[in-house]
Each structure stands twice: as structure tokens, then as C-alpha cells.
């Protein structure tokens, strides 16, 4: 089920994600794939705002879970240039906005580099 959630989050399949979350209360939303990406990280990478919103509302979500490169969903969002997802994550008080990846780059560095935030 977790792999299905990750695939749906990556592809932007909103109704599928809704179905998985609604009908599988025990689904591990923080499960990582072979690259260390969880569903939230994947949705952020591809700018799927509706899915990011659904996952942020899930009670078990770890909004700061790092992938294999040490990147949180917010860092992934900023490095991908997905401004709507970045803005959504900025409104969540749980998000660590200055968490650097293993390479030392922070979300702010990426946002400034790509000029994605106001």
C-alpha cells in the first residue's frame, strides 16, 4: 500500500491518494522508497499541491523526514522550484525551514538561487 501511495503522490493522482488515506488508516505515510523519498517528498518534488495538502493533514506525517541525501520535503520543494508547494509548507509550523541537506545547502539558498519565493 505504501508503494502505491508513493507512486500516486509522484504522479499527482489526487483521487488515488485520497482513496488510500481514507481506506487504509494504518498506511505508513512516512515509508521511504529505495532513494529515501517518502510520499510527501515525492509530491513536493513534482509540485502536486493538492497531494501535499492531503499529506500534511494526515496525523502520522513527519513533515521533516529526510531522504537519502538528507533533504526534507521543504528543501526538495525549494530546490525543485515548486513555489506553490513551498508556500504551503511555509504555513505549517512543524516545518524546519532552515534544515540543510547532506550537501550543506539550505532551502533558503535554493529559493534564492532559483528566485522562487517572494
N, C-alpha and C. Protein backbone atom coordinates (compact mmCIF):
# COMPACT_ATOMS: atom_id res chain seq x y z
N UNK A 1 0.83 -1.20 0.00
CA UNK A 1 0.00 0.00 0.00
C UNK A 1 0.87 1.26 0.00
N UNK A 2 1.99 1.21 0.75
CA UNK A 2 2.86 2.38 0.83
C UNK A 2 3.48 2.71 -0.53
N UNK A 3 3.83 1.66 -1.27
CA UNK A 3 4.41 1.89 -2.60
C UNK A 3 3.36 2.52 -3.52
N UNK A 4 2.14 2.08 -3.42
CA UNK A 4 1.04 2.66 -4.20
C UNK A 4 0.84 4.13 -3.85
N UNK A 5 0.93 4.45 -2.55
CA UNK A 5 0.82 5.84 -2.11
C UNK A 5 1.95 6.68 -2.70
N UNK A 6 3.16 6.17 -2.64
CA UNK A 6 4.31 6.90 -3.19
C UNK A 6 4.15 7.13 -4.70
N UNK A 7 3.75 6.08 -5.41
CA UNK A 7 3.56 6.21 -6.86
C UNK A 7 2.49 7.24 -7.19
N UNK A 8 1.40 7.19 -6.45
CA UNK A 8 0.29 8.13 -6.70
C UNK A 8 0.70 9.56 -6.35
N UNK A 9 1.46 9.73 -5.28
CA UNK A 9 1.93 11.06 -4.89
C UNK A 9 2.87 11.62 -5.94
N UNK A 10 3.72 10.78 -6.48
CA UNK A 10 4.66 11.21 -7.51
C UNK A 10 3.96 11.59 -8.81
N UNK A 11 2.93 10.84 -9.16
CA UNK A 11 2.23 11.06 -10.42
C UNK A 11 1.14 12.13 -10.33
N UNK A 12 0.83 12.58 -9.13
CA UNK A 12 -0.19 13.61 -8.97
C UNK A 12 -1.61 13.08 -9.01
N UNK A 13 -1.80 11.85 -8.64
CA UNK A 13 -3.11 11.21 -8.66
C UNK A 13 -3.86 11.50 -7.36
N UNK A 14 -4.50 12.65 -7.33
CA UNK A 14 -5.15 13.15 -6.12
C UNK A 14 -6.22 12.19 -5.60
N UNK A 15 -7.10 11.75 -6.47
CA UNK A 15 -8.19 10.86 -6.02
C UNK A 15 -7.65 9.54 -5.48
N UNK A 16 -6.60 9.04 -6.08
CA UNK A 16 -5.99 7.80 -5.61
C UNK A 16 -5.39 7.99 -4.21
N UNK A 17 -4.71 9.11 -4.01
CA UNK A 17 -4.14 9.40 -2.69
C UNK A 17 -5.25 9.53 -1.66
N UNK A 18 -6.32 10.25 -2.01
CA UNK A 18 -7.46 10.37 -1.10
C UNK A 18 -8.00 9.00 -0.72
N UNK A 19 -8.17 8.14 -1.71
CA UNK A 19 -8.69 6.79 -1.50
C UNK A 19 -7.78 5.98 -0.57
N UNK A 20 -6.50 6.03 -0.82
CA UNK A 20 -5.54 5.28 0.00
C UNK A 20 -5.60 5.76 1.45
N UNK A 21 -5.58 7.06 1.65
CA UNK A 21 -5.58 7.61 3.01
C UNK A 21 -6.90 7.34 3.73
N UNK A 22 -7.99 7.40 3.01
CA UNK A 22 -9.31 7.19 3.60
C UNK A 22 -9.55 5.72 3.95
N UNK A 23 -9.14 4.81 3.08
CA UNK A 23 -9.48 3.40 3.24
C UNK A 23 -8.39 2.55 3.88
N UNK A 24 -7.27 3.14 4.21
CA UNK A 24 -6.16 2.39 4.80
C UNK A 24 -5.59 3.19 5.97
N UNK A 25 -6.30 3.22 7.09
CA UNK A 25 -5.86 4.05 8.22
C UNK A 25 -4.48 3.68 8.76
N UNK A 26 -4.03 2.47 8.51
CA UNK A 26 -2.72 2.07 9.00
C UNK A 26 -1.58 2.27 8.03
N UNK A 27 -1.87 2.91 6.89
CA UNK A 27 -0.82 3.11 5.89
C UNK A 27 0.29 3.98 6.49
N UNK A 28 1.53 3.58 6.22
CA UNK A 28 2.68 4.33 6.72
C UNK A 28 3.03 5.43 5.71
N UNK A 29 2.55 6.64 5.97
CA UNK A 29 2.79 7.75 5.05
C UNK A 29 4.25 8.18 5.02
N UNK A 30 5.02 7.72 6.00
CA UNK A 30 6.44 8.08 6.08
C UNK A 30 7.37 7.01 5.49
N UNK A 31 6.80 5.96 4.94
CA UNK A 31 7.61 4.90 4.32
C UNK A 31 8.44 5.51 3.20
N UNK A 32 9.71 5.12 3.13
CA UNK A 32 10.60 5.65 2.09
C UNK A 32 10.83 4.62 1.00
N UNK A 33 11.03 5.11 -0.21
CA UNK A 33 11.38 4.22 -1.32
C UNK A 33 12.88 3.95 -1.31
N UNK A 34 13.37 3.29 -2.34
CA UNK A 34 14.80 2.92 -2.38
C UNK A 34 15.74 4.12 -2.40
N UNK A 35 15.23 5.30 -2.72
CA UNK A 35 16.05 6.52 -2.72
C UNK A 35 15.82 7.37 -1.47
N UNK A 36 15.02 6.84 -0.58
CA UNK A 36 14.75 7.55 0.67
C UNK A 36 13.63 8.57 0.58
N UNK A 37 12.90 8.60 -0.52
CA UNK A 37 11.80 9.55 -0.68
C UNK A 37 10.51 8.98 -0.12
N UNK A 38 9.84 9.77 0.71
CA UNK A 38 8.50 9.41 1.18
C UNK A 38 7.49 10.08 0.24
N UNK A 39 6.22 9.78 0.44
CA UNK A 39 5.16 10.33 -0.42
C UNK A 39 5.18 11.86 -0.42
N UNK A 40 5.38 12.47 0.75
CA UNK A 40 5.40 13.93 0.82
C UNK A 40 6.55 14.51 0.02
N UNK A 41 7.71 13.90 0.14
CA UNK A 41 8.87 14.37 -0.61
C UNK A 41 8.62 14.27 -2.11
N UNK A 42 8.00 13.17 -2.54
CA UNK A 42 7.71 12.98 -3.97
C UNK A 42 6.69 14.00 -4.46
N UNK A 43 5.63 14.23 -3.70
CA UNK A 43 4.62 15.21 -4.09
C UNK A 43 5.24 16.61 -4.19
N UNK A 44 6.13 16.92 -3.25
CA UNK A 44 6.81 18.22 -3.28
C UNK A 44 7.72 18.36 -4.48
N UNK A 45 8.43 17.30 -4.82
CA UNK A 45 9.35 17.33 -5.96
C UNK A 45 8.64 17.70 -7.25
N UNK A 46 7.42 17.18 -7.41
CA UNK A 46 6.70 17.38 -8.67
C UNK A 46 5.62 18.45 -8.59
N UNK A 47 5.56 19.15 -7.46
CA UNK A 47 4.65 20.30 -7.35
C UNK A 47 3.19 19.96 -7.25
N UNK A 48 2.85 18.83 -6.67
CA UNK A 48 1.45 18.42 -6.54
C UNK A 48 0.87 18.98 -5.24
N UNK A 49 0.43 20.23 -5.31
CA UNK A 49 -0.03 20.98 -4.14
C UNK A 49 -1.18 20.29 -3.42
N UNK A 50 -2.14 19.79 -4.15
CA UNK A 50 -3.30 19.14 -3.52
C UNK A 50 -2.88 17.92 -2.71
N UNK A 51 -1.93 17.18 -3.24
CA UNK A 51 -1.45 15.99 -2.52
C UNK A 51 -0.61 16.39 -1.32
N UNK A 52 0.20 17.41 -1.46
CA UNK A 52 0.96 17.92 -0.32
C UNK A 52 0.00 18.32 0.80
N UNK A 53 -1.06 19.00 0.44
CA UNK A 53 -2.06 19.43 1.42
C UNK A 53 -2.71 18.23 2.12
N UNK A 54 -3.07 17.21 1.35
CA UNK A 54 -3.66 15.99 1.93
C UNK A 54 -2.69 15.32 2.90
N UNK A 55 -1.45 15.21 2.50
CA UNK A 55 -0.45 14.54 3.34
C UNK A 55 -0.14 15.34 4.60
N UNK A 56 -0.10 16.66 4.48
CA UNK A 56 0.15 17.49 5.67
C UNK A 56 -0.97 17.33 6.70
N UNK A 57 -2.16 17.03 6.25
CA UNK A 57 -3.31 16.86 7.14
C UNK A 57 -3.34 15.48 7.80
N UNK A 58 -2.53 14.56 7.31
CA UNK A 58 -2.52 13.21 7.88
C UNK A 58 -1.85 13.24 9.25
N UNK A 59 -2.50 12.64 10.26
CA UNK A 59 -1.96 12.73 11.63
C UNK A 59 -0.58 12.11 11.84
N UNK A 60 -0.19 11.15 11.02
CA UNK A 60 1.10 10.50 11.23
C UNK A 60 2.25 11.04 10.43
N UNK A 61 2.02 12.10 9.66
CA UNK A 61 3.04 12.60 8.75
C UNK A 61 4.23 13.22 9.50
N UNK A 62 5.43 12.91 9.02
CA UNK A 62 6.65 13.56 9.52
C UNK A 62 7.04 14.57 8.44
N UNK A 63 6.76 15.82 8.68
CA UNK A 63 6.98 16.85 7.65
C UNK A 63 8.45 17.16 7.41
N UNK A 64 9.32 16.67 8.28
CA UNK A 64 10.75 16.94 8.15
C UNK A 64 11.57 15.68 7.85
N UNK A 65 10.92 14.63 7.41
CA UNK A 65 11.60 13.36 7.11
C UNK A 65 12.56 13.56 5.95
N UNK A 66 13.80 13.18 6.16
CA UNK A 66 14.83 13.39 5.13
C UNK A 66 14.96 12.19 4.21
N UNK A 67 15.31 12.47 2.96
CA UNK A 67 15.58 11.39 2.01
C UNK A 67 17.04 10.97 2.15
N UNK A 68 17.52 10.12 1.26
CA UNK A 68 18.88 9.60 1.34
C UNK A 68 19.94 10.70 1.23
N UNK A 69 19.60 11.83 0.64
CA UNK A 69 20.53 12.96 0.51
C UNK A 69 20.41 13.95 1.66
N UNK A 70 19.56 13.60 2.63
CA UNK A 70 19.37 14.49 3.78
C UNK A 70 18.44 15.65 3.49
N UNK A 71 17.64 15.52 2.44
CA UNK A 71 16.75 16.61 2.04
C UNK A 71 15.36 16.38 2.62
N UNK A 72 14.84 17.39 3.30
CA UNK A 72 13.47 17.37 3.79
C UNK A 72 12.53 17.69 2.62
N UNK A 73 11.23 17.47 2.79
CA UNK A 73 10.30 17.88 1.73
C UNK A 73 10.41 19.37 1.39
N UNK A 74 10.62 20.23 2.40
CA UNK A 74 10.74 21.66 2.12
C UNK A 74 11.99 21.96 1.29
N UNK A 75 13.09 21.33 1.63
CA UNK A 75 14.32 21.52 0.86
C UNK A 75 14.13 21.02 -0.57
N UNK A 76 13.47 19.88 -0.72
CA UNK A 76 13.18 19.35 -2.05
C UNK A 76 12.33 20.32 -2.85
N UNK A 77 11.31 20.87 -2.19
CA UNK A 77 10.42 21.82 -2.84
C UNK A 77 11.19 23.05 -3.33
N UNK A 78 12.02 23.59 -2.47
CA UNK A 78 12.78 24.79 -2.84
C UNK A 78 13.77 24.50 -3.96
N UNK A 79 14.40 23.33 -3.94
CA UNK A 79 15.37 23.01 -4.99
C UNK A 79 14.69 22.68 -6.31
N UNK A 80 13.42 22.27 -6.24
CA UNK A 80 12.66 21.96 -7.46
C UNK A 80 12.00 23.18 -8.06
N UNK A 81 11.93 24.26 -7.29
CA UNK A 81 11.31 25.47 -7.79
C UNK A 81 9.79 25.41 -7.81
N UNK A 82 9.21 24.58 -6.97
CA UNK A 82 7.75 24.45 -6.92
C UNK A 82 7.20 25.43 -5.88
N UNK A 83 7.06 26.66 -6.29
CA UNK A 83 6.65 27.76 -5.42
C UNK A 83 5.35 27.51 -4.66
N UNK A 84 4.29 27.02 -5.29
CA UNK A 84 3.05 26.80 -4.53
C UNK A 84 3.23 25.81 -3.38
N UNK A 85 4.00 24.77 -3.60
CA UNK A 85 4.27 23.81 -2.51
C UNK A 85 5.12 24.46 -1.43
N UNK A 86 6.08 25.27 -1.81
CA UNK A 86 6.92 25.96 -0.82
C UNK A 86 6.06 26.86 0.05
N UNK A 87 5.16 27.59 -0.55
CA UNK A 87 4.29 28.48 0.21
C UNK A 87 3.39 27.71 1.16
N UNK A 88 2.88 26.58 0.71
CA UNK A 88 2.03 25.73 1.55
C UNK A 88 2.82 25.20 2.75
N UNK A 89 4.01 24.73 2.51
CA UNK A 89 4.84 24.22 3.60
C UNK A 89 5.25 25.32 4.57
N UNK A 90 5.47 26.52 4.07
CA UNK A 90 5.85 27.63 4.94
C UNK A 90 4.74 27.97 5.95
N UNK A 91 3.51 27.65 5.61
CA UNK A 91 2.40 27.92 6.53
C UNK A 91 2.27 26.88 7.64
N UNK A 92 3.03 25.79 7.55
CA UNK A 92 2.96 24.72 8.54
C UNK A 92 4.07 24.93 9.57
N UNK A 93 3.68 25.16 10.81
CA UNK A 93 4.65 25.48 11.87
C UNK A 93 5.59 24.31 12.21
N UNK A 94 5.26 23.11 11.78
CA UNK A 94 6.13 21.96 12.05
C UNK A 94 7.34 21.90 11.14
N UNK A 95 7.28 22.58 10.03
CA UNK A 95 8.35 22.50 9.03
C UNK A 95 9.58 23.26 9.50
N UNK A 96 10.71 22.57 9.47
CA UNK A 96 12.00 23.19 9.80
C UNK A 96 12.54 23.83 8.53
N UNK A 97 12.39 25.13 8.45
CA UNK A 97 12.68 25.84 7.20
C UNK A 97 14.17 26.05 6.92
N UNK A 98 15.02 25.85 7.91
CA UNK A 98 16.45 26.07 7.70
C UNK A 98 17.26 24.78 7.71
N UNK A 99 16.60 23.64 7.60
CA UNK A 99 17.27 22.34 7.65
C UNK A 99 18.06 22.10 6.37
N UNK A 100 19.38 21.98 6.50
CA UNK A 100 20.26 21.76 5.35
C UNK A 100 20.30 20.28 4.98
N UNK A 101 20.59 20.02 3.72
CA UNK A 101 20.80 18.65 3.25
C UNK A 101 22.23 18.23 3.53
N UNK A 102 22.56 17.01 3.16
CA UNK A 102 23.92 16.50 3.37
C UNK A 102 24.96 17.32 2.63
N UNK A 103 24.56 18.02 1.59
CA UNK A 103 25.47 18.84 0.81
C UNK A 103 25.70 20.23 1.43
N UNK A 104 24.98 20.54 2.51
CA UNK A 104 25.14 21.81 3.19
C UNK A 104 24.23 22.92 2.70
N UNK A 105 23.54 22.71 1.60
CA UNK A 105 22.65 23.74 1.07
C UNK A 105 21.32 23.73 1.82
N UNK A 106 20.81 24.91 2.08
CA UNK A 106 19.55 25.07 2.82
C UNK A 106 18.42 25.41 1.85
N UNK A 107 17.18 25.31 2.32
CA UNK A 107 16.07 25.74 1.47
C UNK A 107 16.19 27.20 1.04
N UNK A 108 16.63 28.05 1.93
CA UNK A 108 16.78 29.47 1.59
C UNK A 108 17.79 29.66 0.47
N UNK A 109 18.89 28.91 0.52
CA UNK A 109 19.89 29.02 -0.54
C UNK A 109 19.25 28.66 -1.88
N UNK A 110 18.51 27.55 -1.92
CA UNK A 110 17.87 27.13 -3.17
C UNK A 110 16.82 28.13 -3.61
N UNK A 111 16.02 28.62 -2.68
CA UNK A 111 14.98 29.59 -3.03
C UNK A 111 15.60 30.84 -3.63
N UNK A 112 16.69 31.30 -3.04
CA UNK A 112 17.36 32.49 -3.58
C UNK A 112 18.00 32.19 -4.93
N UNK A 113 18.61 31.02 -5.04
CA UNK A 113 19.27 30.63 -6.28
C UNK A 113 18.26 30.55 -7.43
N UNK A 114 17.08 29.98 -7.16
CA UNK A 114 16.06 29.83 -8.19
C UNK A 114 15.07 30.98 -8.23
N UNK A 115 15.16 31.88 -7.24
CA UNK A 115 14.26 33.04 -7.16
C UNK A 115 12.80 32.62 -7.15
N UNK A 116 12.45 31.68 -6.22
CA UNK A 116 11.08 31.16 -6.22
C UNK A 116 10.18 31.75 -5.15
N UNK A 117 10.73 32.39 -4.15
CA UNK A 117 9.90 32.92 -3.09
C UNK A 117 9.86 34.45 -3.15
N UNK A 118 8.75 35.02 -2.74
CA UNK A 118 8.63 36.49 -2.80
C UNK A 118 9.59 37.18 -1.84
